[in-house]
Structures are given as structure tokens and as C-alpha cells.
Amino acid sequence: MVIGGLISSTALTLILVPVLYELVGRGAARVARVGRREDEKSGPERRDEAAEQPA
């Protein structure tokens, strides 16, 4: 029973945690990249609309 606990905790620490960390990092980078694309698409349009409206 103790050996199983040691093996499972070692697997979690050395394998599962780094894999999850990498996946979360990639997901955050993907979300940031998509956000930048949306800003680039709507950026010039917003600036043009703001310039056309009277103050």
C-alpha cells in the first residue's frame, strides 16, 4: 500500500503536473493570440468611427 502511494505521488509530481502546466500555458498563449487578432481586426475601424463623430 505504501509503495503504491509513493509511485502514484511520484507520477503525479514528475509527469502529470508538468504536462498540465504546459497545456495551461499553451492555452493562455492561444487565448492571448486570438485576442490580439480581434484587436487588429477592429482597431482601424474603431479609430475611423471615433474620428468621424463630432465632439
N, C-alpha and C. Protein backbone atom coordinates (compact mmCIF):
# COMPACT_ATOMS: atom_id res chain seq x y z
N MET A 1 0.82 -1.19 0.00
CA MET A 1 0.00 0.00 0.00
C MET A 1 0.87 1.26 0.00
N VAL A 2 1.89 1.27 0.77
CA VAL A 2 2.78 2.43 0.83
C VAL A 2 3.52 2.61 -0.49
N ILE A 3 3.94 1.52 -1.09
CA ILE A 3 4.66 1.59 -2.37
C ILE A 3 3.75 2.17 -3.46
N GLY A 4 2.48 1.79 -3.47
CA GLY A 4 1.54 2.33 -4.45
C GLY A 4 1.37 3.83 -4.28
N GLY A 5 1.33 4.27 -3.04
CA GLY A 5 1.22 5.71 -2.77
C GLY A 5 2.45 6.46 -3.23
N LEU A 6 3.62 5.88 -3.00
CA LEU A 6 4.86 6.52 -3.44
C LEU A 6 4.93 6.60 -4.96
N ILE A 7 4.54 5.53 -5.61
CA ILE A 7 4.58 5.51 -7.07
C ILE A 7 3.58 6.51 -7.65
N SER A 8 2.36 6.53 -7.12
CA SER A 8 1.36 7.46 -7.65
C SER A 8 1.74 8.91 -7.39
N SER A 9 2.27 9.21 -6.23
CA SER A 9 2.66 10.60 -5.95
C SER A 9 3.84 11.02 -6.82
N THR A 10 4.76 10.09 -7.07
CA THR A 10 5.89 10.39 -7.94
C THR A 10 5.41 10.65 -9.36
N ALA A 11 4.48 9.83 -9.84
CA ALA A 11 3.95 10.02 -11.19
C ALA A 11 3.23 11.36 -11.30
N LEU A 12 2.44 11.69 -10.30
CA LEU A 12 1.74 12.97 -10.32
C LEU A 12 2.72 14.15 -10.34
N THR A 13 3.74 14.05 -9.52
CA THR A 13 4.68 15.16 -9.40
C THR A 13 5.56 15.31 -10.62
N LEU A 14 6.08 14.22 -11.14
CA LEU A 14 7.06 14.29 -12.22
C LEU A 14 6.47 14.25 -13.62
N ILE A 15 5.26 13.76 -13.76
CA ILE A 15 4.68 13.61 -15.10
C ILE A 15 3.44 14.48 -15.27
N LEU A 16 2.44 14.29 -14.45
CA LEU A 16 1.15 14.94 -14.66
C LEU A 16 1.22 16.45 -14.44
N VAL A 17 1.85 16.91 -13.41
CA VAL A 17 1.90 18.35 -13.12
C VAL A 17 2.62 19.12 -14.22
N PRO A 18 3.80 18.69 -14.70
CA PRO A 18 4.43 19.43 -15.81
C PRO A 18 3.60 19.41 -17.10
N VAL A 19 2.94 18.30 -17.37
CA VAL A 19 2.10 18.23 -18.57
C VAL A 19 0.94 19.21 -18.47
N LEU A 20 0.28 19.24 -17.35
CA LEU A 20 -0.82 20.18 -17.16
C LEU A 20 -0.34 21.63 -17.22
N TYR A 21 0.82 21.89 -16.65
CA TYR A 21 1.39 23.24 -16.68
C TYR A 21 1.63 23.68 -18.13
N GLU A 22 2.17 22.78 -18.94
CA GLU A 22 2.43 23.09 -20.34
C GLU A 22 1.12 23.32 -21.11
N LEU A 23 0.12 22.51 -20.87
CA LEU A 23 -1.16 22.66 -21.56
C LEU A 23 -1.84 23.98 -21.19
N VAL A 24 -1.78 24.35 -19.93
CA VAL A 24 -2.38 25.61 -19.50
C VAL A 24 -1.62 26.79 -20.12
N GLY A 25 -0.31 26.69 -20.18
CA GLY A 25 0.49 27.75 -20.80
C GLY A 25 0.18 27.91 -22.27
N ARG A 26 0.03 26.81 -22.98
CA ARG A 26 -0.32 26.88 -24.40
C ARG A 26 -1.71 27.46 -24.59
N GLY A 27 -2.63 27.08 -23.71
CA GLY A 27 -3.98 27.61 -23.80
C GLY A 27 -4.01 29.11 -23.58
N ALA A 28 -3.25 29.59 -22.61
CA ALA A 28 -3.19 31.02 -22.33
C ALA A 28 -2.57 31.78 -23.51
N ALA A 29 -1.55 31.20 -24.12
CA ALA A 29 -0.93 31.84 -25.28
C ALA A 29 -1.91 31.89 -26.45
N ARG A 30 -2.68 30.84 -26.63
CA ARG A 30 -3.67 30.82 -27.71
C ARG A 30 -4.75 31.87 -27.49
N VAL A 31 -5.21 32.00 -26.25
CA VAL A 31 -6.23 33.00 -25.94
C VAL A 31 -5.69 34.40 -26.17
N ALA A 32 -4.46 34.65 -25.78
CA ALA A 32 -3.85 35.97 -25.99
C ALA A 32 -3.69 36.27 -27.47
N ARG A 33 -3.31 35.26 -28.24
CA ARG A 33 -3.13 35.43 -29.68
C ARG A 33 -4.46 35.75 -30.36
N VAL A 34 -5.51 35.06 -29.97
CA VAL A 34 -6.83 35.31 -30.54
C VAL A 34 -7.30 36.71 -30.16
N GLY A 35 -7.04 37.13 -28.94
CA GLY A 35 -7.41 38.48 -28.51
C GLY A 35 -6.70 39.54 -29.33
N ARG A 36 -5.44 39.32 -29.63
CA ARG A 36 -4.70 40.29 -30.45
C ARG A 36 -5.27 40.34 -31.86
N ARG A 37 -5.67 39.20 -32.41
CA ARG A 37 -6.25 39.18 -33.75
C ARG A 37 -7.54 39.98 -33.78
N GLU A 38 -8.37 39.83 -32.76
CA GLU A 38 -9.62 40.58 -32.70
C GLU A 38 -9.34 42.08 -32.60
N ASP A 39 -8.33 42.45 -31.84
CA ASP A 39 -7.98 43.87 -31.73
C ASP A 39 -7.49 44.42 -33.06
N GLU A 40 -6.70 43.64 -33.79
CA GLU A 40 -6.19 44.09 -35.08
C GLU A 40 -7.32 44.25 -36.09
N LYS A 41 -8.30 43.36 -36.05
CA LYS A 41 -9.41 43.43 -36.99
C LYS A 41 -10.27 44.66 -36.73
N SER A 42 -10.53 44.96 -35.49
CA SER A 42 -11.44 46.05 -35.16
C SER A 42 -10.72 47.36 -34.85
N GLY A 43 -9.41 47.35 -34.77
CA GLY A 43 -8.66 48.53 -34.40
C GLY A 43 -8.85 49.71 -35.34
N PRO A 44 -8.54 49.59 -36.64
CA PRO A 44 -8.68 50.74 -37.54
C PRO A 44 -10.13 51.19 -37.69
N GLU A 45 -11.07 50.28 -37.67
CA GLU A 45 -12.47 50.66 -37.78
C GLU A 45 -12.89 51.53 -36.60
N ARG A 46 -12.48 51.14 -35.44
CA ARG A 46 -12.83 51.92 -34.25
C ARG A 46 -12.21 53.31 -34.31
N ARG A 47 -10.98 53.38 -34.77
CA ARG A 47 -10.33 54.69 -34.86
C ARG A 47 -11.04 55.58 -35.87
N ASP A 48 -11.46 55.02 -37.01
CA ASP A 48 -12.18 55.79 -38.02
C ASP A 48 -13.53 56.27 -37.49
N GLU A 49 -14.23 55.41 -36.79
CA GLU A 49 -15.52 55.80 -36.23
C GLU A 49 -15.36 56.91 -35.20
N ALA A 50 -14.32 56.82 -34.40
CA ALA A 50 -14.09 57.84 -33.37
C ALA A 50 -13.74 59.18 -34.00
N ALA A 51 -13.05 59.18 -35.14
CA ALA A 51 -12.65 60.42 -35.80
C ALA A 51 -13.85 61.08 -36.49
N GLU A 52 -14.82 60.27 -36.93
CA GLU A 52 -15.97 60.81 -37.65
C GLU A 52 -16.99 61.47 -36.73
N GLN A 53 -17.09 61.03 -35.51
CA GLN A 53 -18.12 61.56 -34.61
C GLN A 53 -17.70 62.91 -34.05
N PRO A 54 -18.62 63.87 -34.05
CA PRO A 54 -18.27 65.20 -33.51
C PRO A 54 -18.11 65.15 -32.00
N ALA A 55 -17.29 66.01 -31.49
CA ALA A 55 -17.03 66.03 -30.06
C ALA A 55 -18.10 66.76 -29.29
